[in-house]
Amino acid sequence: MSQPYEEIVEGETLLRASPSQRHETICARLHSYVSASITETSTTRLLPPRSVVQLAPGTLLRPDLALVTVATGKLWLAAEIVHAGDHRTDTVVKKAIYEECKIPRLWMLDPRYDNVEIYHDSQYGLLLKGILAGSDVLTETLLPGLKVVISDLFKE
């Protein structure tokens, strides 16, 4: 299990609990799949898990997975693995920040239900494009090599 960590939202510190072993396993798998899908891409960089990303002055988040553009360093895809004991921070607080900052893509992985919610930025904010589970396949048009069977991502 990893250590507790801090995130800063509009200057206020949020202390986050240590992720569980299952959380870390899912995070490692997701990073592995995404890393393999960007080997031919020179425009995108995958940051290490929970790297600090500044989204606005006084707002520093640590997404479980972050893809940034090489040219600008700007976050374009964030993935959050929902922490069962502190799910409001991920599903409400951080999601609102990503929406406010107009992050183009957001994935919310929920180990409680073994599903992934896919959001795309739109003129109306983050738009839920789908909820994937079981034998559904996670893909992303901006990552042509990415094909992840959801049950493989969450397997025990």
C-alpha atoms as a PDB file:
ATOM      1  CA  MET A   1       0.000   0.000   0.000  1.00  0.00           C
ATOM      2  CA  SER A   2       1.250   3.477  -0.771  1.00  0.00           C
ATOM      3  CA  GLN A   3       1.315   6.468   1.541  1.00  0.00           C
ATOM      4  CA  PRO A   4      -1.359   9.095   2.203  1.00  0.00           C
ATOM      5  CA  TYR A   5      -0.955  12.167   0.013  1.00  0.00           C
ATOM      6  CA  GLU A   6      -2.173  15.753  -0.287  1.00  0.00           C
ATOM      7  CA  GLU A   7      -4.042  17.616  -2.967  1.00  0.00           C
ATOM      8  CA  ILE A   8      -4.727  21.346  -2.911  1.00  0.00           C
ATOM      9  CA  VAL A   9      -8.054  22.762  -4.064  1.00  0.00           C
ATOM     10  CA  GLU A  10      -8.305  26.550  -4.270  1.00  0.00           C
ATOM     11  CA  GLY A  11      -5.597  26.866  -1.616  1.00  0.00           C
ATOM     12  CA  GLU A  12      -7.172  24.317   0.773  1.00  0.00           C
ATOM     13  CA  THR A  13      -5.303  21.100   1.521  1.00  0.00           C
ATOM     14  CA  LEU A  14      -7.156  17.806   1.128  1.00  0.00           C
ATOM     15  CA  LEU A  15      -5.466  14.890   2.881  1.00  0.00           C
ATOM     16  CA  ARG A  16      -6.109  11.712   0.893  1.00  0.00           C
ATOM     17  CA  ALA A  17      -5.941   8.269   2.471  1.00  0.00           C
ATOM     18  CA  SER A  18      -3.473   5.635   1.319  1.00  0.00           C
ATOM     19  CA  PRO A  19      -4.832   3.801  -1.716  1.00  0.00           C
ATOM     20  CA  SER A  20      -5.684   0.127  -1.143  1.00  0.00           C
ATOM     21  CA  GLN A  21      -3.704  -2.684  -2.729  1.00  0.00           C
ATOM     22  CA  ARG A  22      -6.535  -3.272  -5.223  1.00  0.00           C
ATOM     23  CA  HIS A  23      -6.518   0.427  -6.135  1.00  0.00           C
ATOM     24  CA  GLU A  24      -2.781   0.248  -6.767  1.00  0.00           C
ATOM     25  CA  THR A  25      -3.128  -2.928  -8.857  1.00  0.00           C
ATOM     26  CA  ILE A  26      -5.808  -1.332 -11.046  1.00  0.00           C
ATOM     27  CA  CYS A  27      -3.685   1.818 -11.362  1.00  0.00           C
ATOM     28  CA  ALA A  28      -0.625  -0.188 -12.426  1.00  0.00           C
ATOM     29  CA  ARG A  29      -2.656  -2.122 -15.018  1.00  0.00           C
ATOM     30  CA  LEU A  30      -4.181   1.059 -16.416  1.00  0.00           C
ATOM     31  CA  HIS A  31      -0.750   2.679 -16.701  1.00  0.00           C
ATOM     32  CA  SER A  32       0.599  -0.395 -18.444  1.00  0.00           C
ATOM     33  CA  TYR A  33      -2.228  -0.455 -21.013  1.00  0.00           C
ATOM     34  CA  VAL A  34      -2.020   3.280 -21.695  1.00  0.00           C
ATOM     35  CA  SER A  35       1.785   3.267 -21.833  1.00  0.00           C
ATOM     36  CA  ALA A  36       1.717   0.496 -24.449  1.00  0.00           C
ATOM     37  CA  SER A  37      -0.811   2.462 -26.509  1.00  0.00           C
ATOM     38  CA  ILE A  38       1.320   5.630 -26.759  1.00  0.00           C
ATOM     39  CA  THR A  39       4.629   4.095 -27.821  1.00  0.00           C
ATOM     40  CA  GLU A  40       4.140   5.424 -31.359  1.00  0.00           C
ATOM     41  CA  THR A  41       2.816   8.815 -30.207  1.00  0.00           C
ATOM     42  CA  SER A  42       5.232  11.715 -29.882  1.00  0.00           C
ATOM     43  CA  THR A  43       2.588  14.283 -28.912  1.00  0.00           C
ATOM     44  CA  THR A  44       1.460  12.711 -25.620  1.00  0.00           C
ATOM     45  CA  ARG A  45       3.312  11.979 -22.396  1.00  0.00           C
ATOM     46  CA  LEU A  46       2.105   9.694 -19.592  1.00  0.00           C
ATOM     47  CA  LEU A  47       2.999  11.005 -16.140  1.00  0.00           C
ATOM     48  CA  PRO A  48       3.833   8.661 -13.252  1.00  0.00           C
ATOM     49  CA  PRO A  49       0.860   7.714 -11.044  1.00  0.00           C
ATOM     50  CA  ARG A  50      -0.405  10.574  -8.875  1.00  0.00           C
ATOM     51  CA  SER A  51       1.992  13.145 -10.299  1.00  0.00           C
ATOM     52  CA  VAL A  52       1.159  16.675  -9.221  1.00  0.00           C
ATOM     53  CA  VAL A  53      -0.751  18.536 -11.918  1.00  0.00           C
ATOM     54  CA  GLN A  54      -1.535  22.224 -11.514  1.00  0.00           C
ATOM     55  CA  LEU A  55      -4.924  22.951 -13.047  1.00  0.00           C
ATOM     56  CA  ALA A  56      -5.373  26.490 -11.776  1.00  0.00           C
ATOM     57  CA  PRO A  57      -3.611  28.818  -9.350  1.00  0.00           C
ATOM     58  CA  GLY A  58      -3.891  27.204  -5.913  1.00  0.00           C
ATOM     59  CA  THR A  59      -5.264  23.920  -7.305  1.00  0.00           C
ATOM     60  CA  LEU A  60      -2.866  20.964  -7.442  1.00  0.00           C
ATOM     61  CA  LEU A  61      -4.367  17.543  -8.070  1.00  0.00           C
ATOM     62  CA  ARG A  62      -2.803  14.092  -8.276  1.00  0.00           C
ATOM     63  CA  PRO A  63      -4.797  12.017 -10.771  1.00  0.00           C
ATOM     64  CA  ASP A  64      -4.164   8.282 -10.755  1.00  0.00           C
ATOM     65  CA  LEU A  65      -3.359   8.624 -14.445  1.00  0.00           C
ATOM     66  CA  ALA A  66      -2.508  11.802 -16.331  1.00  0.00           C
ATOM     67  CA  LEU A  67      -1.778  12.310 -20.019  1.00  0.00           C
ATOM     68  CA  VAL A  68      -0.364  15.668 -21.059  1.00  0.00           C
ATOM     69  CA  THR A  69       0.504  17.141 -24.424  1.00  0.00           C
ATOM     70  CA  VAL A  70       4.247  17.243 -25.047  1.00  0.00           C
ATOM     71  CA  ALA A  71       4.142  20.710 -26.620  1.00  0.00           C
ATOM     72  CA  THR A  72       2.335  22.489 -23.777  1.00  0.00           C
ATOM     73  CA  GLY A  73       2.398  20.140 -20.797  1.00  0.00           C
ATOM     74  CA  LYS A  74      -1.366  20.622 -20.561  1.00  0.00           C
ATOM     75  CA  LEU A  75      -3.475  17.816 -19.092  1.00  0.00           C
ATOM     76  CA  TRP A  76      -5.851  16.337 -21.663  1.00  0.00           C
ATOM     77  CA  LEU A  77      -6.851  13.055 -20.024  1.00  0.00           C
ATOM     78  CA  ALA A  78      -7.185  12.330 -16.316  1.00  0.00           C
ATOM     79  CA  ALA A  79      -8.240   9.050 -14.743  1.00  0.00           C
ATOM     80  CA  GLU A  80      -9.369   8.749 -11.156  1.00  0.00           C
ATOM     81  CA  ILE A  81      -9.790   5.445  -9.367  1.00  0.00           C
ATOM     82  CA  VAL A  82     -12.569   6.066  -6.868  1.00  0.00           C
ATOM     83  CA  HIS A  83     -11.550   5.527  -3.259  1.00  0.00           C
ATOM     84  CA  ALA A  84     -14.415   3.703  -1.513  1.00  0.00           C
ATOM     85  CA  GLY A  85     -13.909   5.467   1.826  1.00  0.00           C
ATOM     86  CA  ASP A  86     -13.549   8.922   0.273  1.00  0.00           C
ATOM     87  CA  HIS A  87     -15.520   8.717  -2.958  1.00  0.00           C
ATOM     88  CA  ARG A  88     -17.043  12.212  -2.717  1.00  0.00           C
ATOM     89  CA  THR A  89     -13.649  13.848  -3.276  1.00  0.00           C
ATOM     90  CA  ASP A  90     -13.143  11.933  -6.537  1.00  0.00           C
ATOM     91  CA  THR A  91     -16.708  11.829  -7.850  1.00  0.00           C
ATOM     92  CA  VAL A  92     -17.860  15.320  -6.876  1.00  0.00           C
ATOM     93  CA  VAL A  93     -15.029  17.682  -5.899  1.00  0.00           C
ATOM     94  CA  LYS A  94     -12.333  16.653  -8.373  1.00  0.00           C
ATOM     95  CA  LYS A  95     -14.801  15.965 -11.167  1.00  0.00           C
ATOM     96  CA  ALA A  96     -16.117  19.539 -10.801  1.00  0.00           C
ATOM     97  CA  ILE A  97     -12.558  20.885 -10.994  1.00  0.00           C
ATOM     98  CA  TYR A  98     -11.824  18.891 -14.147  1.00  0.00           C
ATOM     99  CA  GLU A  99     -15.046  20.198 -15.645  1.00  0.00           C
ATOM    100  CA  GLU A 100     -14.284  23.793 -14.677  1.00  0.00           C
ATOM    101  CA  CYS A 101     -10.794  23.501 -16.200  1.00  0.00           C
ATOM    102  CA  LYS A 102     -12.249  21.979 -19.371  1.00  0.00           C
ATOM    103  CA  ILE A 103     -10.191  18.786 -19.335  1.00  0.00           C
ATOM    104  CA  PRO A 104     -10.970  17.102 -22.687  1.00  0.00           C
ATOM    105  CA  ARG A 105     -11.231  13.569 -21.250  1.00  0.00           C
ATOM    106  CA  LEU A 106     -11.968  12.112 -17.812  1.00  0.00           C
ATOM    107  CA  TRP A 107     -12.209   8.470 -16.819  1.00  0.00           C
ATOM    108  CA  MET A 108     -13.701   7.549 -13.444  1.00  0.00           C
ATOM    109  CA  LEU A 109     -12.840   3.974 -12.505  1.00  0.00           C
ATOM    110  CA  ASP A 110     -14.973   2.585  -9.705  1.00  0.00           C
ATOM    111  CA  PRO A 111     -13.696  -0.627  -8.075  1.00  0.00           C
ATOM    112  CA  ARG A 112     -16.898  -0.834  -6.005  1.00  0.00           C
ATOM    113  CA  TYR A 113     -18.830  -1.663  -9.196  1.00  0.00           C
ATOM    114  CA  ASP A 114     -15.951  -2.646 -11.521  1.00  0.00           C
ATOM    115  CA  ASN A 115     -16.970  -0.029 -14.059  1.00  0.00           C
ATOM    116  CA  VAL A 116     -15.510   2.964 -15.880  1.00  0.00           C
ATOM    117  CA  GLU A 117     -17.398   6.175 -16.593  1.00  0.00           C
ATOM    118  CA  ILE A 118     -16.125   7.984 -19.698  1.00  0.00           C
ATOM    119  CA  TYR A 119     -16.554  11.767 -19.888  1.00  0.00           C
ATOM    120  CA  HIS A 120     -15.749  14.157 -22.743  1.00  0.00           C
ATOM    121  CA  ASP A 121     -15.646  17.920 -22.491  1.00  0.00           C
ATOM    122  CA  SER A 122     -18.486  19.665 -24.289  1.00  0.00           C
ATOM    123  CA  GLN A 123     -19.926  23.155 -24.511  1.00  0.00           C
ATOM    124  CA  TYR A 124     -22.139  22.156 -21.567  1.00  0.00           C
ATOM    125  CA  GLY A 125     -19.343  20.741 -19.388  1.00  0.00           C
ATOM    126  CA  LEU A 126     -18.318  17.126 -18.944  1.00  0.00           C
ATOM    127  CA  LEU A 127     -20.646  14.869 -20.895  1.00  0.00           C
ATOM    128  CA  LEU A 128     -21.047  11.225 -19.861  1.00  0.00           C
ATOM    129  CA  LYS A 129     -20.287   9.254 -23.028  1.00  0.00           C
ATOM    130  CA  GLY A 130     -20.769   5.829 -21.485  1.00  0.00           C
ATOM    131  CA  ILE A 131     -20.373   3.465 -18.580  1.00  0.00           C
ATOM    132  CA  LEU A 132     -18.269   0.406 -19.356  1.00  0.00           C
ATOM    133  CA  ALA A 133     -18.265  -2.870 -17.421  1.00  0.00           C
ATOM    134  CA  GLY A 134     -17.618  -6.585 -17.872  1.00  0.00           C
ATOM    135  CA  SER A 135     -16.688  -7.457 -21.462  1.00  0.00           C
ATOM    136  CA  ASP A 136     -16.987  -3.847 -22.700  1.00  0.00           C
ATOM    137  CA  VAL A 137     -13.798  -2.454 -24.224  1.00  0.00           C
ATOM    138  CA  LEU A 138     -12.234   0.864 -23.216  1.00  0.00           C
ATOM    139  CA  THR A 139     -10.968   2.744 -26.270  1.00  0.00           C
ATOM    140  CA  GLU A 140     -10.030   6.346 -26.960  1.00  0.00           C
ATOM    141  CA  THR A 141      -9.919   7.870 -30.445  1.00  0.00           C
ATOM    142  CA  LEU A 142      -6.908   9.974 -29.415  1.00  0.00           C
ATOM    143  CA  LEU A 143      -5.086   6.767 -28.380  1.00  0.00           C
ATOM    144  CA  PRO A 144      -5.660   4.499 -31.379  1.00  0.00           C
ATOM    145  CA  GLY A 145      -3.771   1.547 -29.885  1.00  0.00           C
ATOM    146  CA  LEU A 146      -5.784   1.438 -26.656  1.00  0.00           C
ATOM    147  CA  LYS A 147      -8.152  -1.498 -26.253  1.00  0.00           C
ATOM    148  CA  VAL A 148      -8.784  -2.635 -22.673  1.00  0.00           C
ATOM    149  CA  VAL A 149     -11.390  -5.199 -21.683  1.00  0.00           C
ATOM    150  CA  ILE A 150     -12.898  -3.800 -18.496  1.00  0.00           C
ATOM    151  CA  SER A 151     -12.994  -7.149 -16.679  1.00  0.00           C
ATOM    152  CA  ASP A 152      -9.222  -7.492 -17.304  1.00  0.00           C
ATOM    153  CA  LEU A 153      -8.642  -4.090 -15.728  1.00  0.00           C
ATOM    154  CA  PHE A 154     -10.536  -5.002 -12.558  1.00  0.00           C
ATOM    155  CA  LYS A 155      -9.688  -8.720 -12.220  1.00  0.00           C
ATOM    156  CA  GLU A 156      -8.678  -9.851  -8.738  1.00  0.00           C
END
